Amino acid sequence: MNPWWCASLISIFGGLGGVVTALLSDNGFALPRKESGVWCPGAISNVLIGAFSAFSSWSFYGSGAAIELADKSPRSVISLRFSALAGAFLVGVAGAKWITNEVDKRLLKETVKVAVNSKKLPKEQSEHITEGSPRQVLHDVKEACAACVGIEAA
């Protein structure tokens, strides 16, 4: 098998792992965007990161590490095992999940900044504020803090 076909299949399976991560996240198939100064990668970035993670892992540590691309003599057989494709899928899921977790961590840090800079959060809202995704928590804290300012001004 051609080494570039192997690399393509590995990347495709890693990209599929990125799709699974996008499906499992609270964000769904959102497009990349900035929210409150935090870059949120979205589904497209999850797929690209999953493909890159899988290709990197395969070419560094897997059967792709043994392929000599500059060798002029034709190699008799290049094999691609099913375990390599399954591994590429799992590495794609893990790579995309890692970047998603980093974004969630930054969103939660931004939430803490907003909450600390507010005067007071009503007790009713603060008891249930952490229910939901990090993006939803940030949105709820911003709304609650805006409502606090409105109540104090009246």
N, C-alpha and C. Protein backbone atom coordinates (compact mmCIF):
# COMPACT_ATOMS: atom_id res chain seq x y z
N MET A 1 0.85 -1.18 0.00
CA MET A 1 0.00 0.00 0.00
C MET A 1 0.90 1.24 0.00
N ASN A 2 0.49 2.25 -0.68
CA ASN A 2 1.20 3.52 -0.76
C ASN A 2 1.22 4.18 0.63
N PRO A 3 2.37 4.70 1.07
CA PRO A 3 2.43 5.32 2.40
C PRO A 3 1.51 6.53 2.55
N TRP A 4 1.26 7.23 1.46
CA TRP A 4 0.38 8.40 1.55
C TRP A 4 -1.08 7.98 1.71
N TRP A 5 -1.45 6.83 1.17
CA TRP A 5 -2.80 6.31 1.41
C TRP A 5 -2.96 5.93 2.88
N CYS A 6 -1.92 5.32 3.43
CA CYS A 6 -1.95 4.96 4.86
C CYS A 6 -2.09 6.22 5.72
N ALA A 7 -1.29 7.23 5.41
CA ALA A 7 -1.35 8.48 6.17
C ALA A 7 -2.72 9.14 6.03
N SER A 8 -3.30 9.07 4.84
CA SER A 8 -4.63 9.64 4.63
C SER A 8 -5.69 8.91 5.43
N LEU A 9 -5.64 7.59 5.43
CA LEU A 9 -6.62 6.82 6.20
C LEU A 9 -6.48 7.09 7.70
N ILE A 10 -5.25 7.18 8.18
CA ILE A 10 -5.02 7.49 9.59
C ILE A 10 -5.60 8.86 9.92
N SER A 11 -5.37 9.84 9.06
CA SER A 11 -5.88 11.19 9.29
C SER A 11 -7.40 11.22 9.24
N ILE A 12 -7.99 10.48 8.33
CA ILE A 12 -9.46 10.43 8.24
C ILE A 12 -10.05 9.84 9.51
N PHE A 13 -9.46 8.76 10.01
CA PHE A 13 -9.98 8.17 11.23
C PHE A 13 -9.78 9.08 12.43
N GLY A 14 -8.67 9.81 12.47
CA GLY A 14 -8.47 10.81 13.52
C GLY A 14 -9.50 11.92 13.43
N GLY A 15 -9.80 12.35 12.20
CA GLY A 15 -10.84 13.37 12.00
C GLY A 15 -12.20 12.88 12.46
N LEU A 16 -12.48 11.60 12.22
CA LEU A 16 -13.74 11.03 12.72
C LEU A 16 -13.78 11.05 14.25
N GLY A 17 -12.64 10.85 14.87
CA GLY A 17 -12.56 10.99 16.33
C GLY A 17 -12.88 12.41 16.76
N GLY A 18 -12.44 13.40 15.99
CA GLY A 18 -12.79 14.80 16.26
C GLY A 18 -14.27 15.06 16.12
N VAL A 19 -14.90 14.38 15.15
CA VAL A 19 -16.36 14.51 14.98
C VAL A 19 -17.08 13.96 16.22
N VAL A 20 -16.61 12.82 16.71
CA VAL A 20 -17.22 12.23 17.91
C VAL A 20 -17.07 13.16 19.09
N THR A 21 -15.91 13.78 19.24
CA THR A 21 -15.71 14.74 20.33
C THR A 21 -16.68 15.91 20.20
N ALA A 22 -16.88 16.40 18.98
CA ALA A 22 -17.83 17.50 18.78
C ALA A 22 -19.24 17.06 19.14
N LEU A 23 -19.61 15.83 18.81
CA LEU A 23 -20.94 15.33 19.15
C LEU A 23 -21.12 15.19 20.66
N LEU A 24 -20.06 14.78 21.36
CA LEU A 24 -20.15 14.56 22.80
C LEU A 24 -20.07 15.85 23.61
N SER A 25 -19.55 16.91 23.03
CA SER A 25 -19.42 18.17 23.77
C SER A 25 -20.77 18.88 23.84
N ASP A 26 -20.85 19.82 24.76
CA ASP A 26 -22.08 20.60 24.91
C ASP A 26 -22.26 21.61 23.80
N ASN A 27 -21.19 21.87 23.05
CA ASN A 27 -21.23 22.91 22.03
C ASN A 27 -21.80 22.43 20.70
N GLY A 28 -21.77 21.14 20.44
CA GLY A 28 -22.28 20.60 19.18
C GLY A 28 -21.39 20.98 18.02
N PHE A 29 -21.98 21.19 16.87
CA PHE A 29 -21.23 21.52 15.65
C PHE A 29 -21.16 23.02 15.43
N ALA A 30 -20.67 23.73 16.43
CA ALA A 30 -20.54 25.17 16.35
C ALA A 30 -19.33 25.53 15.48
N LEU A 31 -19.40 26.68 14.86
CA LEU A 31 -18.27 27.18 14.09
C LEU A 31 -17.28 27.84 15.04
N PRO A 32 -16.00 27.92 14.66
CA PRO A 32 -15.02 28.61 15.51
C PRO A 32 -15.41 30.07 15.71
N ARG A 33 -15.25 30.55 16.95
CA ARG A 33 -15.59 31.94 17.26
C ARG A 33 -14.93 32.35 18.56
N LYS A 34 -14.96 33.64 18.83
CA LYS A 34 -14.48 34.16 20.10
C LYS A 34 -15.69 34.47 20.96
N GLU A 35 -15.61 34.08 22.21
CA GLU A 35 -16.68 34.38 23.15
C GLU A 35 -16.06 34.94 24.41
N SER A 36 -16.38 36.18 24.71
CA SER A 36 -15.85 36.88 25.88
C SER A 36 -14.32 36.86 25.90
N GLY A 37 -13.72 37.01 24.74
CA GLY A 37 -12.27 37.04 24.64
C GLY A 37 -11.61 35.67 24.63
N VAL A 38 -12.39 34.61 24.64
CA VAL A 38 -11.85 33.24 24.64
C VAL A 38 -12.13 32.62 23.28
N TRP A 39 -11.09 32.08 22.63
CA TRP A 39 -11.27 31.43 21.34
C TRP A 39 -11.88 30.06 21.55
N CYS A 40 -13.03 29.83 20.92
CA CYS A 40 -13.72 28.53 20.99
C CYS A 40 -13.54 27.85 19.63
N PRO A 41 -12.88 26.70 19.59
CA PRO A 41 -12.48 26.12 18.31
C PRO A 41 -13.63 25.61 17.44
N GLY A 42 -14.68 25.09 17.99
CA GLY A 42 -15.78 24.58 17.18
C GLY A 42 -15.47 23.22 16.57
N ALA A 43 -16.45 22.69 15.85
CA ALA A 43 -16.37 21.34 15.30
C ALA A 43 -15.30 21.20 14.22
N ILE A 44 -15.15 22.22 13.39
CA ILE A 44 -14.16 22.15 12.31
C ILE A 44 -12.76 21.99 12.90
N SER A 45 -12.47 22.76 13.92
CA SER A 45 -11.16 22.66 14.57
C SER A 45 -10.99 21.32 15.27
N ASN A 46 -12.06 20.78 15.85
CA ASN A 46 -11.97 19.46 16.47
C ASN A 46 -11.58 18.40 15.45
N VAL A 47 -12.16 18.48 14.27
CA VAL A 47 -11.84 17.51 13.21
C VAL A 47 -10.38 17.66 12.77
N LEU A 48 -9.94 18.90 12.56
CA LEU A 48 -8.55 19.12 12.13
C LEU A 48 -7.55 18.70 13.20
N ILE A 49 -7.84 19.02 14.45
CA ILE A 49 -6.94 18.64 15.54
C ILE A 49 -6.93 17.12 15.72
N GLY A 50 -8.09 16.48 15.58
CA GLY A 50 -8.15 15.02 15.66
C GLY A 50 -7.33 14.37 14.56
N ALA A 51 -7.44 14.88 13.34
CA ALA A 51 -6.67 14.33 12.21
C ALA A 51 -5.18 14.54 12.42
N PHE A 52 -4.79 15.73 12.85
CA PHE A 52 -3.37 16.01 13.08
C PHE A 52 -2.82 15.16 14.23
N SER A 53 -3.59 15.01 15.29
CA SER A 53 -3.14 14.20 16.44
C SER A 53 -2.92 12.76 16.02
N ALA A 54 -3.85 12.21 15.27
CA ALA A 54 -3.75 10.82 14.84
C ALA A 54 -2.55 10.62 13.91
N PHE A 55 -2.39 11.53 12.94
CA PHE A 55 -1.26 11.42 12.02
C PHE A 55 0.06 11.53 12.76
N SER A 56 0.15 12.48 13.69
CA SER A 56 1.39 12.65 14.45
C SER A 56 1.72 11.42 15.27
N SER A 57 0.73 10.89 15.96
CA SER A 57 0.94 9.71 16.79
C SER A 57 1.38 8.52 15.94
N TRP A 58 0.72 8.33 14.81
CA TRP A 58 1.04 7.21 13.92
C TRP A 58 2.45 7.36 13.35
N SER A 59 2.80 8.57 12.94
CA SER A 59 4.10 8.76 12.31
C SER A 59 5.25 8.80 13.32
N PHE A 60 4.98 9.15 14.58
CA PHE A 60 6.03 9.15 15.59
C PHE A 60 6.21 7.78 16.24
N TYR A 61 5.10 7.14 16.59
CA TYR A 61 5.16 5.95 17.43
C TYR A 61 4.58 4.69 16.80
N GLY A 62 3.78 4.84 15.78
CA GLY A 62 3.12 3.69 15.18
C GLY A 62 3.90 3.10 14.02
N SER A 63 3.18 2.38 13.17
CA SER A 63 3.83 1.73 12.04
C SER A 63 4.33 2.74 11.01
N GLY A 64 3.85 3.96 11.08
CA GLY A 64 4.32 4.99 10.16
C GLY A 64 5.74 5.44 10.46
N ALA A 65 6.21 5.17 11.66
CA ALA A 65 7.58 5.56 12.03
C ALA A 65 8.62 4.76 11.26
N ALA A 66 8.26 3.58 10.78
CA ALA A 66 9.22 2.72 10.07
C ALA A 66 9.25 2.97 8.57
N ILE A 67 8.40 3.83 8.06
CA ILE A 67 8.34 4.07 6.61
C ILE A 67 9.43 5.04 6.21
N GLU A 68 10.22 4.64 5.24
CA GLU A 68 11.30 5.48 4.71
C GLU A 68 10.79 6.10 3.41
N LEU A 69 10.51 7.39 3.42
CA LEU A 69 9.94 8.05 2.25
C LEU A 69 11.00 8.39 1.20
N ALA A 70 12.23 8.61 1.60
CA ALA A 70 13.27 9.01 0.66
C ALA A 70 14.02 7.83 0.04
N ASP A 71 13.67 6.62 0.42
CA ASP A 71 14.36 5.44 -0.10
C ASP A 71 13.95 5.22 -1.56
N LYS A 72 14.95 5.08 -2.43
CA LYS A 72 14.68 4.91 -3.86
C LYS A 72 14.24 3.49 -4.20
N SER A 73 14.66 2.53 -3.42
CA SER A 73 14.26 1.15 -3.73
C SER A 73 12.82 0.93 -3.26
N PRO A 74 12.00 0.33 -4.10
CA PRO A 74 10.61 0.12 -3.72
C PRO A 74 10.50 -0.89 -2.58
N ARG A 75 9.73 -0.55 -1.63
CA ARG A 75 9.51 -1.45 -0.50
C ARG A 75 8.45 -2.46 -0.92
N SER A 76 8.62 -3.68 -0.54
CA SER A 76 7.72 -4.72 -1.03
C SER A 76 6.30 -4.55 -0.49
N VAL A 77 6.15 -4.41 0.81
CA VAL A 77 4.81 -4.33 1.38
C VAL A 77 4.78 -3.32 2.52
N ILE A 78 3.84 -2.42 2.46
CA ILE A 78 3.55 -1.53 3.58
C ILE A 78 2.18 -1.93 4.08
N SER A 79 2.12 -2.32 5.32
CA SER A 79 0.83 -2.80 5.83
C SER A 79 0.19 -1.75 6.73
N LEU A 80 -1.10 -1.79 6.77
CA LEU A 80 -1.88 -0.93 7.66
C LEU A 80 -2.87 -1.82 8.38
N ARG A 81 -2.67 -1.98 9.64
CA ARG A 81 -3.52 -2.87 10.43
C ARG A 81 -4.75 -2.14 10.94
N PHE A 82 -5.78 -2.92 11.21
CA PHE A 82 -7.00 -2.35 11.74
C PHE A 82 -6.74 -1.69 13.09
N SER A 83 -5.82 -2.24 13.87
CA SER A 83 -5.51 -1.65 15.17
C SER A 83 -4.94 -0.24 15.02
N ALA A 84 -4.23 0.02 13.91
CA ALA A 84 -3.70 1.37 13.68
C ALA A 84 -4.84 2.35 13.41
N LEU A 85 -5.86 1.91 12.67
CA LEU A 85 -7.01 2.78 12.41
C LEU A 85 -7.81 3.03 13.69
N ALA A 86 -8.00 1.98 14.49
CA ALA A 86 -8.71 2.15 15.76
C ALA A 86 -7.93 3.07 16.69
N GLY A 87 -6.61 2.90 16.72
CA GLY A 87 -5.77 3.77 17.53
C GLY A 87 -5.84 5.21 17.05
N ALA A 88 -5.87 5.41 15.73
CA ALA A 88 -5.98 6.76 15.17
C ALA A 88 -7.30 7.40 15.58
N PHE A 89 -8.36 6.62 15.57
CA PHE A 89 -9.67 7.13 15.99
C PHE A 89 -9.62 7.59 17.45
N LEU A 90 -9.06 6.76 18.32
CA LEU A 90 -8.99 7.10 19.75
C LEU A 90 -8.07 8.30 20.01
N VAL A 91 -6.96 8.37 19.30
CA VAL A 91 -6.07 9.52 19.45
C VAL A 91 -6.76 10.78 18.94
N GLY A 92 -7.56 10.66 17.88
CA GLY A 92 -8.32 11.81 17.39
C GLY A 92 -9.33 12.30 18.40
N VAL A 93 -10.02 11.36 19.06
CA VAL A 93 -10.96 11.74 20.11
C VAL A 93 -10.22 12.44 21.25
N ALA A 94 -9.11 11.85 21.68
CA ALA A 94 -8.36 12.41 22.82
C ALA A 94 -7.76 13.77 22.49
N GLY A 95 -7.21 13.93 21.29
CA GLY A 95 -6.61 15.21 20.92
C GLY A 95 -7.65 16.32 20.85
N ALA A 96 -8.79 16.02 20.25
CA ALA A 96 -9.85 17.02 20.16
C ALA A 96 -10.46 17.31 21.54
N LYS A 97 -10.57 16.29 22.36
CA LYS A 97 -11.11 16.48 23.72
C LYS A 97 -10.18 17.34 24.55
N TRP A 98 -8.87 17.17 24.36
CA TRP A 98 -7.91 17.98 25.10
C TRP A 98 -8.11 19.47 24.80
N ILE A 99 -8.23 19.82 23.52
CA ILE A 99 -8.39 21.24 23.17
C ILE A 99 -9.74 21.75 23.66
N THR A 100 -10.77 20.92 23.63
CA THR A 100 -12.09 21.32 24.13
C THR A 100 -12.02 21.58 25.64
N ASN A 101 -11.32 20.73 26.38
CA ASN A 101 -11.17 20.93 27.82
C ASN A 101 -10.39 22.20 28.14
N GLU A 102 -9.39 22.52 27.34
CA GLU A 102 -8.63 23.75 27.56
C GLU A 102 -9.52 24.98 27.36
N VAL A 103 -10.38 24.94 26.36
CA VAL A 103 -11.29 26.06 26.11
C VAL A 103 -12.29 26.17 27.25
N ASP A 104 -12.83 25.04 27.71
CA ASP A 104 -13.76 25.07 28.84
C ASP A 104 -13.10 25.65 30.08
N LYS A 105 -11.85 25.32 30.31
CA LYS A 105 -11.11 25.85 31.46
C LYS A 105 -10.99 27.37 31.35
N ARG A 106 -10.69 27.86 30.16
CA ARG A 106 -10.58 29.32 29.98
C ARG A 106 -11.92 30.01 30.15
N LEU A 107 -13.00 29.38 29.68
CA LEU A 107 -14.33 29.96 29.87
C LEU A 107 -14.68 30.03 31.35
N LEU A 108 -14.33 29.00 32.11
CA LEU A 108 -14.61 29.02 33.55
C LEU A 108 -13.77 30.06 34.27
N LYS A 109 -12.53 30.28 33.83
CA LYS A 109 -11.71 31.35 34.41
C LYS A 109 -12.34 32.71 34.13
N GLU A 110 -12.85 32.89 32.94
CA GLU A 110 -13.53 34.14 32.59
C GLU A 110 -14.77 34.32 33.45
N THR A 111 -15.48 33.23 33.73
CA THR A 111 -16.65 33.28 34.60
C THR A 111 -16.28 33.75 36.00
N VAL A 112 -15.17 33.24 36.51
CA VAL A 112 -14.72 33.66 37.84
C VAL A 112 -14.38 35.14 37.85
N LYS A 113 -13.74 35.64 36.78
CA LYS A 113 -13.43 37.07 36.70
C LYS A 113 -14.71 37.91 36.75
N VAL A 114 -15.71 37.49 35.99
CA VAL A 114 -16.96 38.24 35.96
C VAL A 114 -17.63 38.20 37.33
N ALA A 115 -17.66 37.04 37.96
CA ALA A 115 -18.32 36.90 39.26
C ALA A 115 -17.60 37.70 40.35
N VAL A 116 -16.27 37.70 40.32
CA VAL A 116 -15.50 38.41 41.34
C VAL A 116 -15.68 39.92 41.19
N ASN A 117 -15.77 40.39 39.98
CA ASN A 117 -15.90 41.83 39.74
C ASN A 117 -17.32 42.35 39.96
N SER A 118 -18.28 41.47 40.15
CA SER A 118 -19.65 41.92 40.38
C SER A 118 -19.82 42.25 41.87
N LYS A 119 -20.81 43.04 42.18
CA LYS A 119 -21.06 43.43 43.57
C LYS A 119 -21.60 42.24 44.36
N LYS A 120 -22.72 41.70 43.91
CA LYS A 120 -23.35 40.57 44.59
C LYS A 120 -24.09 39.73 43.57
N LEU A 121 -24.15 38.47 43.84
CA LEU A 121 -25.01 37.57 43.07
C LEU A 121 -26.15 37.16 44.00
N PRO A 122 -27.39 37.22 43.52
CA PRO A 122 -28.50 36.77 44.36
C PRO A 122 -28.34 35.30 44.73
N LYS A 123 -28.72 34.96 45.97
CA LYS A 123 -28.55 33.60 46.46
C LYS A 123 -29.30 32.59 45.60
N GLU A 124 -30.49 32.93 45.11
CA GLU A 124 -31.28 32.01 44.27
C GLU A 124 -30.51 31.64 43.01
N GLN A 125 -29.86 32.61 42.42
CA GLN A 125 -29.13 32.35 41.19
C GLN A 125 -27.79 31.66 41.45
N SER A 126 -27.13 32.01 42.54
CA SER A 126 -25.81 31.43 42.79
C SER A 126 -25.86 29.95 43.15
N GLU A 127 -27.01 29.48 43.68
CA GLU A 127 -27.12 28.06 44.03
C GLU A 127 -27.15 27.16 42.80
N HIS A 128 -27.69 27.65 41.70
CA HIS A 128 -27.84 26.82 40.49
C HIS A 128 -26.98 27.32 39.34
N ILE A 129 -26.06 28.22 39.61
CA ILE A 129 -25.30 28.85 38.53
C ILE A 129 -24.35 27.88 37.84
N THR A 130 -23.88 26.85 38.54
CA THR A 130 -22.90 25.94 37.93
C THR A 130 -23.52 24.79 37.16
N GLU A 131 -24.81 24.78 37.02
CA GLU A 131 -25.47 23.72 36.24
C GLU A 131 -25.43 24.09 34.77
N GLY A 132 -24.81 23.27 33.99
CA GLY A 132 -24.72 23.51 32.55
C GLY A 132 -23.29 23.50 32.07
N SER A 133 -23.12 23.76 30.79
CA SER A 133 -21.79 23.77 30.18
C SER A 133 -21.04 25.03 30.62
N PRO A 134 -19.71 25.04 30.50
CA PRO A 134 -18.96 26.25 30.86
C PRO A 134 -19.42 27.49 30.10
N ARG A 135 -19.79 27.33 28.84
CA ARG A 135 -20.29 28.47 28.06
C ARG A 135 -21.60 28.98 28.65
N GLN A 136 -22.48 28.06 29.05
CA GLN A 136 -23.76 28.44 29.65
C GLN A 136 -23.56 29.08 31.02
N VAL A 137 -22.62 28.56 31.80
CA VAL A 137 -22.32 29.13 33.12
C VAL A 137 -21.85 30.57 32.98
N LEU A 138 -20.95 30.83 32.02
CA LEU A 138 -20.48 32.19 31.78
C LEU A 138 -21.64 33.10 31.40
N HIS A 139 -22.49 32.64 30.53
CA HIS A 139 -23.66 33.42 30.11
C HIS A 139 -24.57 33.71 31.30
N ASP A 140 -24.82 32.71 32.14
CA ASP A 140 -25.71 32.89 33.30
C ASP A 140 -25.11 33.86 34.32
N VAL A 141 -23.80 33.77 34.55
CA VAL A 141 -23.17 34.68 35.50
C VAL A 141 -23.21 36.11 34.97
N LYS A 142 -22.98 36.29 33.68
CA LYS A 142 -23.06 37.63 33.11
C LYS A 142 -24.46 38.21 33.25
N GLU A 143 -25.47 37.40 32.99
CA GLU A 143 -26.86 37.86 33.14
C GLU A 143 -27.17 38.21 34.59
N ALA A 144 -26.74 37.34 35.50
CA ALA A 144 -27.00 37.58 36.92
C ALA A 144 -26.29 38.84 37.40
N CYS A 145 -25.06 39.06 36.96
CA CYS A 145 -24.33 40.25 37.37
C CYS A 145 -24.93 41.52 36.78
N ALA A 146 -25.42 41.42 35.55
CA ALA A 146 -26.11 42.57 34.94
C ALA A 146 -27.39 42.88 35.69
N ALA A 147 -28.10 41.85 36.12
CA ALA A 147 -29.32 42.06 36.90
C ALA A 147 -29.01 42.66 38.25
N CYS A 148 -27.91 42.27 38.86
CA CYS A 148 -27.49 42.83 40.15
C CYS A 148 -27.24 44.32 40.04
N VAL A 149 -26.56 44.73 38.97
CA VAL A 149 -26.27 46.14 38.76
C VAL A 149 -27.56 46.92 38.57
N GLY A 150 -28.51 46.32 37.84
CA GLY A 150 -29.80 46.97 37.61
C GLY A 150 -30.60 47.13 38.89
N ILE A 151 -30.55 46.14 39.77
CA ILE A 151 -31.29 46.19 41.04
C ILE A 151 -30.67 47.25 41.95
N GLU A 152 -29.34 47.32 42.02
CA GLU A 152 -28.67 48.28 42.89
C GLU A 152 -28.86 49.70 42.41
N ALA A 153 -28.99 49.89 41.08
CA ALA A 153 -29.17 51.24 40.54
C ALA A 153 -30.57 51.76 40.83
N ALA A 154 -31.55 50.85 41.00
CA ALA A 154 -32.94 51.29 41.20
C ALA A 154 -33.24 51.74 42.60
